[in-house]
Every structure is written in C-alpha cells, then in structure tokens.
C-alpha cells in the first residue's frame, strides 16, 4: 500500500527521496515538499552537494580514437595466430 503523498511524515518522505531523485523525477514537485520547509532545505543542501561533486569530478569524454583501439585489441585477443 502506497502512503498518501499529501500526508507523509518527513521520515517517510526522506526514505522516498533517493528513489525520486534516482528516477529523475522532480522531487521538489512532490506534495510533501509544498508544506515542509525542513525537507525543502534538505533537498537544496543535497543539490548543492551534488553540484559541488560534479565540479570536483567533471565528466570528460574519451578521445575519439579510444573506441577503435579497444575494438582492435578485442579482435586481436580472439585471433589464434597471436600470442
């Protein structure tokens, strides 16, 4: 049985937050957030931490030739005439 989102306690909502955030849902649009300053502040803090982490560890695209090297290595690994 799913808890009524309009009557959730902070504890219930905070247990649900990882699922909401992980699914890509807008957690700030959840009905509990409309009436709970504590959970709004928690979500804001989590978003600040996540942004700081993204800046510490930026996503870097690999060089264009990397996939070709990997593919070539895999082909040569299966070649019985090598090694």
C-alpha atoms as a PDB file:
ATOM      1  CA  UNK A   1       0.000   0.000   0.000  1.00  0.00           C
ATOM      2  CA  UNK A   2       1.434   3.366  -1.025  1.00  0.00           C
ATOM      3  CA  UNK A   3       1.356   6.170   1.522  1.00  0.00           C
ATOM      4  CA  UNK A   4      -0.749   9.200   0.614  1.00  0.00           C
ATOM      5  CA  UNK A   5       1.858  11.741  -0.617  1.00  0.00           C
ATOM      6  CA  UNK A   6      -0.145  14.581   0.944  1.00  0.00           C
ATOM      7  CA  UNK A   7       0.108  13.059   4.442  1.00  0.00           C
ATOM      8  CA  UNK A   8       3.688  11.789   4.535  1.00  0.00           C
ATOM      9  CA  UNK A   9       5.930  12.392   7.517  1.00  0.00           C
ATOM     10  CA  UNK A  10       9.416  13.778   6.931  1.00  0.00           C
ATOM     11  CA  UNK A  11      10.862  10.369   7.729  1.00  0.00           C
ATOM     12  CA  UNK A  12       8.665   8.691   5.105  1.00  0.00           C
ATOM     13  CA  UNK A  13       9.439  11.323   2.506  1.00  0.00           C
ATOM     14  CA  UNK A  14      13.178  11.246   3.187  1.00  0.00           C
ATOM     15  CA  UNK A  15      13.137   7.463   2.780  1.00  0.00           C
ATOM     16  CA  UNK A  16      11.498   8.012  -0.621  1.00  0.00           C
ATOM     17  CA  UNK A  17      13.889  10.781  -1.743  1.00  0.00           C
ATOM     18  CA  UNK A  18      16.639   8.541  -3.180  1.00  0.00           C
ATOM     19  CA  UNK A  19      14.080   6.795  -5.373  1.00  0.00           C
ATOM     20  CA  UNK A  20      12.585  10.111  -6.526  1.00  0.00           C
ATOM     21  CA  UNK A  21      15.965  11.640  -7.285  1.00  0.00           C
ATOM     22  CA  UNK A  22      17.329   8.467  -8.880  1.00  0.00           C
ATOM     23  CA  UNK A  23      14.348   8.160 -11.184  1.00  0.00           C
ATOM     24  CA  UNK A  24      14.869  11.682 -12.487  1.00  0.00           C
ATOM     25  CA  UNK A  25      11.584  12.867 -11.028  1.00  0.00           C
ATOM     26  CA  UNK A  26      11.380  16.437  -9.819  1.00  0.00           C
ATOM     27  CA  UNK A  27      11.492  15.792  -6.071  1.00  0.00           C
ATOM     28  CA  UNK A  28      10.711  19.435  -5.353  1.00  0.00           C
ATOM     29  CA  UNK A  29       7.304  18.979  -7.021  1.00  0.00           C
ATOM     30  CA  UNK A  30       6.282  16.249  -4.555  1.00  0.00           C
ATOM     31  CA  UNK A  31       3.265  17.272  -2.425  1.00  0.00           C
ATOM     32  CA  UNK A  32       5.213  16.861   0.835  1.00  0.00           C
ATOM     33  CA  UNK A  33       7.698  19.500  -0.309  1.00  0.00           C
ATOM     34  CA  UNK A  34       4.959  22.098  -0.660  1.00  0.00           C
ATOM     35  CA  UNK A  35       4.333  22.119   3.077  1.00  0.00           C
ATOM     36  CA  UNK A  36       7.685  21.128   4.598  1.00  0.00           C
ATOM     37  CA  UNK A  37      10.460  23.684   4.911  1.00  0.00           C
ATOM     38  CA  UNK A  38      12.762  21.109   6.529  1.00  0.00           C
ATOM     39  CA  UNK A  39      12.630  18.742   3.544  1.00  0.00           C
ATOM     40  CA  UNK A  40      12.927  21.642   1.077  1.00  0.00           C
ATOM     41  CA  UNK A  41      16.112  22.726   2.887  1.00  0.00           C
ATOM     42  CA  UNK A  42      17.424  19.151   2.866  1.00  0.00           C
ATOM     43  CA  UNK A  43      16.811  18.828  -0.877  1.00  0.00           C
ATOM     44  CA  UNK A  44      18.517  22.173  -1.501  1.00  0.00           C
ATOM     45  CA  UNK A  45      21.529  21.009   0.512  1.00  0.00           C
ATOM     46  CA  UNK A  46      21.667  17.726  -1.432  1.00  0.00           C
ATOM     47  CA  UNK A  47      21.503  19.598  -4.746  1.00  0.00           C
ATOM     48  CA  UNK A  48      24.344  21.891  -3.617  1.00  0.00           C
ATOM     49  CA  UNK A  49      26.460  18.884  -2.627  1.00  0.00           C
ATOM     50  CA  UNK A  50      25.733  17.125  -5.931  1.00  0.00           C
ATOM     51  CA  UNK A  51      26.719  20.222  -7.911  1.00  0.00           C
ATOM     52  CA  UNK A  52      29.955  20.561  -5.933  1.00  0.00           C
ATOM     53  CA  UNK A  53      30.738  16.892  -6.614  1.00  0.00           C
ATOM     54  CA  UNK A  54      30.149  17.389 -10.346  1.00  0.00           C
ATOM     55  CA  UNK A  55      32.642  20.252 -10.307  1.00  0.00           C
ATOM     56  CA  UNK A  56      35.221  18.162  -8.437  1.00  0.00           C
ATOM     57  CA  UNK A  57      34.899  15.248 -10.839  1.00  0.00           C
ATOM     58  CA  UNK A  58      33.880  16.607 -14.234  1.00  0.00           C
ATOM     59  CA  UNK A  59      32.817  14.156 -16.911  1.00  0.00           C
ATOM     60  CA  UNK A  60      35.484  14.017 -19.581  1.00  0.00           C
ATOM     61  CA  UNK A  61      34.746  12.445 -22.936  1.00  0.00           C
ATOM     62  CA  UNK A  62      37.400   9.938 -24.013  1.00  0.00           C
ATOM     63  CA  UNK A  63      39.476  10.683 -27.107  1.00  0.00           C
ATOM     64  CA  UNK A  64      37.821   9.780 -30.428  1.00  0.00           C
ATOM     65  CA  UNK A  65      40.366   7.060 -31.250  1.00  0.00           C
ATOM     66  CA  UNK A  66      39.904   5.166 -27.970  1.00  0.00           C
ATOM     67  CA  UNK A  67      36.979   3.017 -29.147  1.00  0.00           C
ATOM     68  CA  UNK A  68      38.928   1.989 -32.250  1.00  0.00           C
ATOM     69  CA  UNK A  69      41.870   0.927 -30.070  1.00  0.00           C
ATOM     70  CA  UNK A  70      39.585  -1.083 -27.779  1.00  0.00           C
ATOM     71  CA  UNK A  71      37.860  -2.738 -30.732  1.00  0.00           C
ATOM     72  CA  UNK A  72      41.217  -3.595 -32.315  1.00  0.00           C
ATOM     73  CA  UNK A  73      42.528  -5.058 -29.049  1.00  0.00           C
ATOM     74  CA  UNK A  74      39.428  -7.244 -28.716  1.00  0.00           C
ATOM     75  CA  UNK A  75      39.785  -8.521 -32.277  1.00  0.00           C
ATOM     76  CA  UNK A  76      43.461  -9.334 -31.759  1.00  0.00           C
ATOM     77  CA  UNK A  77      42.738 -11.055 -28.448  1.00  0.00           C
ATOM     78  CA  UNK A  78      40.496 -13.564 -30.223  1.00  0.00           C
ATOM     79  CA  UNK A  79      42.991 -14.138 -33.059  1.00  0.00           C
ATOM     80  CA  UNK A  80      44.535 -17.626 -32.536  1.00  0.00           C
ATOM     81  CA  UNK A  81      47.596 -16.651 -34.598  1.00  0.00           C
ATOM     82  CA  UNK A  82      48.688 -14.066 -31.992  1.00  0.00           C
ATOM     83  CA  UNK A  83      50.268 -14.540 -28.586  1.00  0.00           C
END
